Amino acid sequence: MTVTEAETSTEATEPDVAAILRRDAKGLRERAVAQALIEEGTILGLDPVRSCLLTEIDGVWTCRWEGLLGRQYGLGLDEEQRAFYGLVLSLLGIGVNPLSAAHMLGERRLMVLLRAIIRVAEIDTIAVGRRI
């Protein structure tokens, strides 16, 4: 097997985390959290997060939210990622994360979190972004 074939076969077995999260999100909260993690763009790229969040059963990758919070300190997240992760998971009712952790978020992650909160509240009249 050539290097190119090995790379292709590895890529073919690598699950599409975003697609799996979207497919497996069963309710409004799960869809909002999945979308927030996808929009955040760095957390789902970490191998420990993917291995904690995804499981393969009979050749099919599935998302499992349970047990995520208890593992947040072993996932290799930096302080801002961990604050975002905890706040987003609180939308699922997992853990107790004070909203005061929002002060640790940069502007981009804060906007993603605010959009997720708005999705969970089912309000479509509030826009989060820069004012012109």
Protein backbone atom coordinates (compact mmCIF):
# COMPACT_ATOMS: atom_id res chain seq x y z
CA MET A 1 0.00 0.00 0.00
CA THR A 2 1.42 3.39 -0.95
CA VAL A 3 1.46 6.38 1.39
CA THR A 4 -1.32 8.01 -0.64
CA GLU A 5 -3.51 4.89 -0.35
CA ALA A 6 -2.84 4.69 3.40
CA GLU A 7 -3.76 8.37 3.83
CA THR A 8 -6.93 7.88 1.79
CA SER A 9 -8.01 4.82 3.77
CA THR A 10 -7.37 6.65 7.07
CA GLU A 11 -9.36 9.64 5.90
CA ALA A 12 -12.19 7.39 4.75
CA THR A 13 -12.53 5.84 8.23
CA GLU A 14 -12.36 9.21 10.03
CA PRO A 15 -15.93 10.10 11.07
CA ASP A 16 -17.48 13.42 10.06
CA VAL A 17 -18.17 14.72 13.55
CA ALA A 18 -20.34 17.64 12.43
CA ALA A 19 -22.55 15.41 10.28
CA ILE A 20 -22.94 12.88 13.09
CA LEU A 21 -23.86 15.58 15.62
CA ARG A 22 -26.43 17.08 13.26
CA ARG A 23 -27.91 13.66 12.45
CA ASP A 24 -28.09 12.45 16.06
CA ALA A 25 -29.36 15.69 17.66
CA LYS A 26 -32.79 14.64 18.89
CA GLY A 27 -34.32 17.81 20.25
CA LEU A 28 -34.04 21.55 20.23
CA ARG A 29 -31.36 21.67 22.92
CA GLU A 30 -29.21 18.99 21.32
CA ARG A 31 -29.48 20.71 17.94
CA ALA A 32 -28.48 24.07 19.48
CA VAL A 33 -25.51 22.53 21.30
CA ALA A 34 -24.39 20.58 18.23
CA GLN A 35 -24.58 23.72 16.08
CA ALA A 36 -22.66 25.76 18.70
CA LEU A 37 -19.85 23.18 18.89
CA ILE A 38 -19.68 23.06 15.10
CA GLU A 39 -19.60 26.87 14.80
CA GLU A 40 -16.94 27.14 17.52
CA GLY A 41 -14.61 25.29 15.19
CA THR A 42 -11.77 24.08 17.44
CA ILE A 43 -13.17 21.83 20.16
CA LEU A 44 -14.53 19.15 17.82
CA GLY A 45 -11.14 18.99 16.12
CA LEU A 46 -9.50 17.57 19.24
CA ASP A 47 -9.05 13.78 19.27
CA PRO A 48 -9.96 13.40 22.99
CA VAL A 49 -13.23 15.28 22.43
CA ARG A 50 -14.14 13.19 19.40
CA SER A 51 -13.34 9.93 21.19
CA CYS A 52 -15.41 11.03 24.20
CA LEU A 53 -18.36 12.23 22.12
CA LEU A 54 -18.49 9.55 19.42
CA THR A 55 -18.83 5.80 19.62
CA GLU A 56 -18.91 3.23 16.84
CA ILE A 57 -21.56 0.52 17.12
CA ASP A 58 -21.82 -2.09 14.38
CA GLY A 59 -19.88 0.14 11.99
CA VAL A 60 -22.09 3.19 12.59
CA TRP A 61 -20.74 6.25 14.39
CA THR A 62 -23.13 7.81 16.90
CA CYS A 63 -23.05 10.78 19.25
CA ARG A 64 -23.38 10.26 22.99
CA TRP A 65 -23.77 13.32 25.19
CA GLU A 66 -23.80 11.48 28.50
CA GLY A 67 -20.64 11.67 30.55
CA LEU A 68 -19.16 14.62 28.68
CA LEU A 69 -18.97 17.06 31.57
CA GLY A 70 -17.15 14.69 33.90
CA ARG A 71 -14.35 14.43 31.37
CA GLN A 72 -13.92 18.11 30.49
CA TYR A 73 -10.60 18.49 32.34
CA GLY A 74 -9.02 15.55 30.52
CA LEU A 75 -9.84 16.73 26.99
CA GLY A 76 -6.89 19.06 26.46
CA LEU A 77 -9.05 22.19 26.31
CA ASP A 78 -7.54 25.56 27.09
CA GLU A 79 -9.25 27.82 29.65
CA GLU A 80 -11.46 29.64 27.14
CA GLN A 81 -12.45 26.43 25.34
CA ARG A 82 -13.30 24.80 28.68
CA ALA A 83 -15.50 27.77 29.69
CA PHE A 84 -17.30 27.67 26.33
CA TYR A 85 -17.67 23.88 26.49
CA GLY A 86 -19.13 24.01 29.99
CA LEU A 87 -21.56 26.81 29.17
CA VAL A 88 -22.74 25.12 25.98
CA LEU A 89 -23.22 21.78 27.74
CA SER A 90 -25.29 23.56 30.38
CA LEU A 91 -27.85 24.16 27.62
CA LEU A 92 -28.35 20.38 27.67
CA GLY A 93 -28.83 20.46 31.43
CA ILE A 94 -25.45 18.80 31.96
CA GLY A 95 -23.53 20.16 34.94
CA VAL A 96 -23.77 23.45 36.73
CA ASN A 97 -21.83 26.19 35.00
CA PRO A 98 -22.15 29.76 36.23
CA LEU A 99 -22.94 32.25 33.52
CA SER A 100 -20.16 34.38 34.97
CA ALA A 101 -17.76 32.10 33.03
CA ALA A 102 -18.82 34.08 29.95
CA HIS A 103 -16.21 36.70 30.88
CA MET A 104 -13.56 34.19 29.81
CA LEU A 105 -14.91 33.96 26.28
CA GLY A 106 -13.59 35.91 23.36
CA GLU A 107 -16.01 37.79 21.14
CA ARG A 108 -16.41 35.00 18.57
CA ARG A 109 -17.19 32.27 21.10
CA LEU A 110 -19.50 34.59 23.02
CA MET A 111 -21.49 35.26 19.85
CA VAL A 112 -21.75 31.50 19.19
CA LEU A 113 -22.97 30.94 22.76
CA LEU A 114 -25.52 33.76 22.51
CA ARG A 115 -26.87 32.34 19.25
CA ALA A 116 -27.21 28.92 20.92
CA ILE A 117 -29.14 30.45 23.83
CA ILE A 118 -31.43 32.22 21.38
CA ARG A 119 -32.03 28.94 19.50
CA VAL A 120 -32.94 27.15 22.74
CA ALA A 121 -35.31 30.01 23.65
CA GLU A 122 -36.90 29.65 20.19
CA ILE A 123 -36.70 33.36 19.51
CA ASP A 124 -35.98 34.31 15.92
CA THR A 125 -36.21 38.10 16.25
CA ILE A 126 -32.92 38.72 18.09
CA ALA A 127 -29.81 39.12 15.96
CA VAL A 128 -26.37 38.57 17.46
CA GLY A 129 -23.55 40.30 15.65
CA ARG A 130 -21.97 43.66 15.00
CA ARG A 131 -24.15 46.69 14.70
CA ILE A 132 -23.61 48.82 11.62
